[in-house]
Each structure stands twice: as C-alpha cells, then as structure tokens.
Amino acid sequence: MSLTMDKIVPELGYVAGNLRFLPNWVNKALQDLPDAEAYRIVLRLFGMLPQHPTKSVSPALHARARQVISVKKSGARRDGVAVGPCFSFAALLSAGKLVDRCPYSGYELDWGEKGKPCASRNSPSFDRIEPGSAYSCEGVQVVANVTNALKGSICMRRFLDAICFLQTDAYVRSHVPAAARPAHHLQQVQTLEAMASEVPRSLAFVLGPARWSRGGAEAAGGIREEAWP
C-alpha cells in the first residue's frame, strides 16, 4: 500500500503541523477536500442527502457554455466515445442540464472566460450517469470537476469506510505526526459532527461498518494494510 502526504488544511500547504499520511488512492480521491465535505458529497451522490438547489446558467454565460460543450464533444470523439445528436447546447439548456452550481458540492460553477481554458476544480464537468455510455442529453449531469473526479476514481462505499477510519485513534497514532494532531483533530470534530447530524444512526451503520467507529480499529488489531477498506 503506497502512502502519500496529505495537506490537512489545503490552504496552508506542505508545512510542519499540517501533514498526515494517507493511502495514495484516498489522497487522490480527496483532492484537497476536507473530510467532512467529501463525506457529504458522497452521501449526496448516493441520494442520502438532498442535492443543493440549482438554477439555469445565466444568458451571459450561454456563449461560454456553447464553447465548453463543443470542446467536450471534440474531446469525446477524439477518445472514441460516442456522442449522441441530442448532446447539444439547445437540448441541454432546454432540459435544465446547464446549471449555475454543482448539485453535490454546492460549488458555484466556473464556466470560465472567453479565450481562457476552463480547468479549475469548480469548472463544469459532464458526468455520464452510466459510466462508459455515450454523451447524450438524457445521460449526463453537469457537476463540478472535483465532484466528477471523486465519483469516477473510486468505489464510493469503500471511500466512506476510509473516511470513517480516518476518525479513529488508531489512525491518528500511526499516521498523523504529533505536530499535526491538533489540525487533524479539527477535521475529526467537523467530520464526526457531519456523521452525527447528516445521517440517521441506521444509515450510518449501513454505510460505516462498526469496525470503523471511533476506536473500532483497535478491536480490529490496530492499523494494518488490510485494515484499509
């Protein structure tokens, strides 16, 4: 299992007191998201939390949206991915697919500026609801880049188990340097509050097996490679 350094508070960068160690696949999935935020995004993807309300993209951004769609169509065809005739600006706008914010992260979507690439974490991304399917009006939803990358990179159930495990004392002792434990503790408080407030106990039990409850890793023999879900 490959371990990589993770910035606990992304804005502080790679400095002493702000680093913990995560399996590479967990670090890549988090993409600098706070644990609690990633947890809520995944619950919304599962349909266990309500989506954030969205509005249709403003007319001022229609030209930019056309350009984003054109770039996506060209890239998909170049990669050998089918693009249906209904994957067009007019159809997507009429169907309410072109929205102002990501329904899962709540981030306002950055449609970019004329002549500039649209590649930020909040940029719009066309998520194919059924992976591997063609791009079509009915088969896509517009989300933030960070949401699509999270959804497409991992098994979300496994990721939820990992987020639960990050809250355990065993993880802290083995993978969080002493200087970084205050920063990680703040993450723990926020994440445990999210787990307690956002999900009924019955759902929390289904999503987070008992072995990942706080302190549960000790009962499983402490932190080992096989302890990671």
Protein backbone atom coordinates (compact mmCIF):
# COMPACT_ATOMS: atom_id res chain seq x y z
CA MET A 1 0.00 0.00 0.00
CA SER A 2 1.52 3.32 -1.12
CA LEU A 3 1.27 6.16 1.39
CA THR A 4 1.38 9.84 0.41
CA MET A 5 1.41 13.11 2.34
CA ASP A 6 -1.90 14.94 2.59
CA LYS A 7 -2.36 18.61 3.48
CA ILE A 8 -4.87 18.66 6.34
CA VAL A 9 -5.75 22.30 5.64
CA PRO A 10 -5.09 22.71 1.90
CA GLU A 11 -4.57 26.48 2.08
CA LEU A 12 -1.62 26.07 4.48
CA GLY A 13 0.36 23.90 2.08
CA TYR A 14 3.04 21.34 2.87
CA VAL A 15 4.29 22.66 6.21
CA ALA A 16 5.04 21.05 9.55
CA GLY A 17 1.91 20.63 11.62
CA ASN A 18 -0.31 20.30 8.54
CA LEU A 19 0.64 16.88 7.17
CA ARG A 20 -0.78 13.41 7.63
CA PHE A 21 -0.25 10.19 5.69
CA LEU A 22 -2.95 8.55 3.59
CA PRO A 23 -3.08 5.68 1.13
CA ASN A 24 -2.50 7.16 -2.31
CA TRP A 25 -5.99 6.23 -3.56
CA VAL A 26 -7.64 8.06 -0.64
CA ASN A 27 -5.45 11.13 -1.15
CA LYS A 28 -6.25 11.26 -4.86
CA ALA A 29 -9.96 10.94 -4.16
CA LEU A 30 -9.98 13.71 -1.54
CA GLN A 31 -8.30 16.22 -3.91
CA ASP A 32 -7.74 18.67 -1.06
CA LEU A 33 -11.38 18.42 0.07
CA PRO A 34 -11.93 18.50 3.83
CA ASP A 35 -13.02 15.08 5.11
CA ALA A 36 -16.49 16.29 6.12
CA GLU A 37 -17.09 17.95 2.75
CA ALA A 38 -16.06 14.84 0.82
CA TYR A 39 -18.29 12.75 3.10
CA ARG A 40 -21.33 14.93 2.35
CA ILE A 41 -20.65 14.93 -1.40
CA VAL A 42 -20.61 11.13 -1.46
CA LEU A 43 -23.84 10.94 0.56
CA ARG A 44 -25.49 13.26 -1.97
CA LEU A 45 -24.21 11.09 -4.81
CA PHE A 46 -25.81 8.12 -3.02
CA GLY A 47 -29.08 10.07 -2.74
CA MET A 48 -28.98 10.02 1.07
CA LEU A 49 -28.77 13.79 1.40
CA PRO A 50 -30.76 16.29 -0.67
CA GLN A 51 -28.96 17.94 -3.55
CA HIS A 52 -28.12 21.64 -3.46
CA PRO A 53 -30.65 23.75 -5.38
CA THR A 54 -29.52 24.95 -8.80
CA LYS A 55 -30.66 27.49 -11.37
CA SER A 56 -30.21 27.58 -15.12
CA VAL A 57 -26.97 29.18 -16.25
CA SER A 58 -27.40 32.90 -16.95
CA PRO A 59 -27.75 34.17 -20.54
CA ALA A 60 -24.44 35.99 -20.12
CA LEU A 61 -22.74 32.59 -19.97
CA HIS A 62 -24.53 30.96 -22.90
CA ALA A 63 -21.71 31.62 -25.35
CA ARG A 64 -19.21 30.17 -22.91
CA ALA A 65 -21.42 27.13 -22.32
CA ARG A 66 -21.58 26.53 -26.07
CA GLN A 67 -17.80 26.56 -26.20
CA VAL A 68 -17.48 24.14 -23.26
CA ILE A 69 -19.92 21.73 -24.94
CA SER A 70 -18.06 21.97 -28.24
CA VAL A 71 -14.74 21.19 -26.55
CA LYS A 72 -16.29 18.21 -24.75
CA LYS A 73 -17.75 16.82 -27.99
CA SER A 74 -14.42 17.14 -29.80
CA GLY A 75 -12.53 15.52 -26.94
CA ALA A 76 -15.00 12.65 -26.63
CA ARG A 77 -14.85 11.85 -30.33
CA ARG A 78 -11.07 12.01 -30.27
CA ASP A 79 -11.12 9.47 -27.43
CA GLY A 80 -13.52 7.20 -29.30
CA VAL A 81 -16.50 7.94 -27.05
CA ALA A 82 -19.88 8.14 -28.79
CA VAL A 83 -21.69 11.49 -28.77
CA GLY A 84 -25.44 11.48 -29.40
CA PRO A 85 -27.09 14.11 -31.61
CA CYS A 86 -29.05 15.37 -28.60
CA PHE A 87 -25.83 16.38 -26.83
CA SER A 88 -26.19 19.99 -27.92
CA PHE A 89 -26.42 23.38 -26.28
CA ALA A 90 -30.09 23.81 -27.17
CA ALA A 91 -31.13 20.40 -25.87
CA LEU A 92 -29.08 20.62 -22.68
CA LEU A 93 -30.37 24.11 -21.92
CA SER A 94 -33.98 23.12 -22.57
CA ALA A 95 -33.62 20.07 -20.31
CA GLY A 96 -32.27 22.19 -17.45
CA LYS A 97 -28.88 20.49 -17.53
CA LEU A 98 -26.80 23.68 -17.77
CA VAL A 99 -26.80 24.92 -14.19
CA ASP A 100 -25.11 27.57 -12.09
CA ARG A 101 -23.74 25.30 -9.36
CA CYS A 102 -22.83 21.69 -8.64
CA PRO A 103 -25.81 19.93 -7.00
CA TYR A 104 -23.49 17.70 -4.93
CA SER A 105 -20.71 20.00 -3.71
CA GLY A 106 -22.74 23.21 -3.82
CA TYR A 107 -19.84 24.98 -5.53
CA GLU A 108 -20.76 27.74 -7.97
CA LEU A 109 -19.61 26.51 -11.36
CA ASP A 110 -16.83 28.44 -13.04
CA TRP A 111 -17.74 28.46 -16.73
CA GLY A 112 -14.55 30.40 -17.45
CA GLU A 113 -13.90 33.46 -19.54
CA LYS A 114 -13.75 33.94 -23.27
CA GLY A 115 -10.42 32.80 -24.66
CA LYS A 116 -9.30 31.19 -21.41
CA PRO A 117 -9.31 27.48 -20.55
CA CYS A 118 -11.90 26.24 -18.08
CA ALA A 119 -9.92 23.90 -15.86
CA SER A 120 -10.44 24.82 -12.21
CA ARG A 121 -11.81 22.43 -9.60
CA ASN A 122 -15.12 24.28 -9.85
CA SER A 123 -15.28 24.12 -13.64
CA PRO A 124 -18.33 22.36 -15.14
CA SER A 125 -17.84 18.70 -15.96
CA PHE A 126 -20.23 16.45 -17.88
CA ASP A 127 -20.75 13.36 -15.75
CA ARG A 128 -22.12 10.36 -17.61
CA ILE A 129 -24.67 8.92 -15.20
CA GLU A 130 -23.96 5.45 -16.57
CA PRO A 131 -20.16 5.12 -16.84
CA GLY A 132 -18.99 4.15 -20.30
CA SER A 133 -22.17 5.29 -22.02
CA ALA A 134 -22.40 7.80 -24.86
CA TYR A 135 -22.70 11.52 -24.20
CA SER A 136 -26.38 12.36 -24.53
CA CYS A 137 -28.76 14.94 -23.12
CA GLU A 138 -30.60 12.36 -21.01
CA GLY A 139 -27.46 10.56 -19.87
CA VAL A 140 -25.40 13.39 -18.41
CA GLN A 141 -25.49 15.79 -15.50
CA VAL A 142 -23.32 18.86 -15.03
CA VAL A 143 -21.22 18.79 -11.86
CA ALA A 144 -18.00 20.38 -10.63
CA ASN A 145 -14.71 18.88 -11.80
CA VAL A 146 -13.88 17.92 -8.23
CA THR A 147 -17.16 16.01 -7.87
CA ASN A 148 -16.77 14.13 -11.14
CA ALA A 149 -13.19 13.17 -10.32
CA LEU A 150 -14.27 11.87 -6.90
CA LYS A 151 -17.19 9.93 -8.37
CA GLY A 152 -15.15 8.38 -11.15
CA SER A 153 -11.97 7.42 -9.33
CA ILE A 154 -13.11 5.07 -6.56
CA CYS A 155 -15.72 2.78 -5.09
CA MET A 156 -17.70 5.30 -3.05
CA ARG A 157 -18.72 2.76 -0.40
CA ARG A 158 -15.04 1.95 0.12
CA PHE A 159 -14.24 5.65 0.32
CA LEU A 160 -16.88 6.22 3.02
CA ASP A 161 -15.37 3.39 5.03
CA ALA A 162 -11.95 5.04 4.68
CA ILE A 163 -13.29 8.42 5.82
CA CYS A 164 -14.75 6.71 8.90
CA PHE A 165 -11.40 5.07 9.59
CA LEU A 166 -9.59 8.43 9.47
CA GLN A 167 -11.54 9.40 12.59
CA THR A 168 -10.17 6.55 14.71
CA ASP A 169 -7.49 6.83 17.39
CA ALA A 170 -5.53 4.02 15.75
CA TYR A 171 -5.20 6.00 12.52
CA VAL A 172 -4.09 9.12 14.40
CA ARG A 173 -1.41 7.29 16.40
CA SER A 174 0.05 5.56 13.37
CA HIS A 175 -0.29 8.05 10.53
CA VAL A 176 -0.56 11.58 11.94
CA PRO A 177 2.66 13.16 13.29
CA ALA A 178 2.30 14.64 16.76
CA ALA A 179 2.72 18.20 15.47
CA ALA A 180 -0.19 17.73 13.06
CA ARG A 181 -2.64 16.17 15.51
CA PRO A 182 -4.29 19.47 16.55
CA ALA A 183 -5.09 20.25 12.89
CA HIS A 184 -6.30 16.71 12.26
CA HIS A 185 -8.43 16.87 15.42
CA LEU A 186 -10.32 19.85 13.98
CA GLN A 187 -11.01 17.76 10.88
CA GLN A 188 -12.21 14.93 13.13
CA VAL A 189 -14.60 17.21 15.01
CA GLN A 190 -16.14 18.53 11.79
CA THR A 191 -16.40 15.08 10.22
CA LEU A 192 -17.88 13.39 13.29
CA GLU A 193 -20.41 16.22 13.56
CA ALA A 194 -21.34 15.63 9.92
CA MET A 195 -21.72 11.92 10.55
CA ALA A 196 -23.90 12.54 13.60
CA SER A 197 -26.09 15.27 12.12
CA GLU A 198 -26.47 14.33 8.48
CA VAL A 199 -27.21 10.62 8.65
CA PRO A 200 -29.60 8.69 10.91
CA ARG A 201 -27.96 6.03 13.03
CA SER A 202 -29.43 3.25 10.92
CA LEU A 203 -27.90 4.65 7.73
CA ALA A 204 -24.60 5.38 9.45
CA PHE A 205 -24.44 1.73 10.46
CA VAL A 206 -25.05 0.59 6.89
CA LEU A 207 -22.54 2.99 5.38
CA GLY A 208 -19.87 2.82 8.06
CA PRO A 209 -19.39 -0.68 9.44
CA ALA A 210 -18.99 -0.93 13.21
CA ARG A 211 -15.30 -1.77 12.89
CA TRP A 212 -14.65 1.79 11.68
CA SER A 213 -16.43 3.53 14.54
CA ARG A 214 -14.27 5.71 16.76
CA GLY A 215 -11.76 3.44 18.44
CA GLY A 216 -13.03 0.45 16.46
CA ALA A 217 -9.75 -0.07 14.67
CA GLU A 218 -8.11 -1.15 17.92
CA ALA A 219 -10.60 -4.01 18.16
CA ALA A 220 -9.62 -4.98 14.62
CA GLY A 221 -5.99 -5.24 15.68
CA GLY A 222 -4.83 -1.70 15.03
CA ILE A 223 -3.89 -0.16 11.72
CA ARG A 224 -2.54 -2.55 9.12
CA GLU A 225 -2.58 -2.58 5.34
CA GLU A 226 -5.59 -4.90 5.38
CA ALA A 227 -7.35 -2.54 7.80
CA TRP A 228 -7.90 -0.08 4.97
CA PRO A 229 -11.25 -0.87 3.39
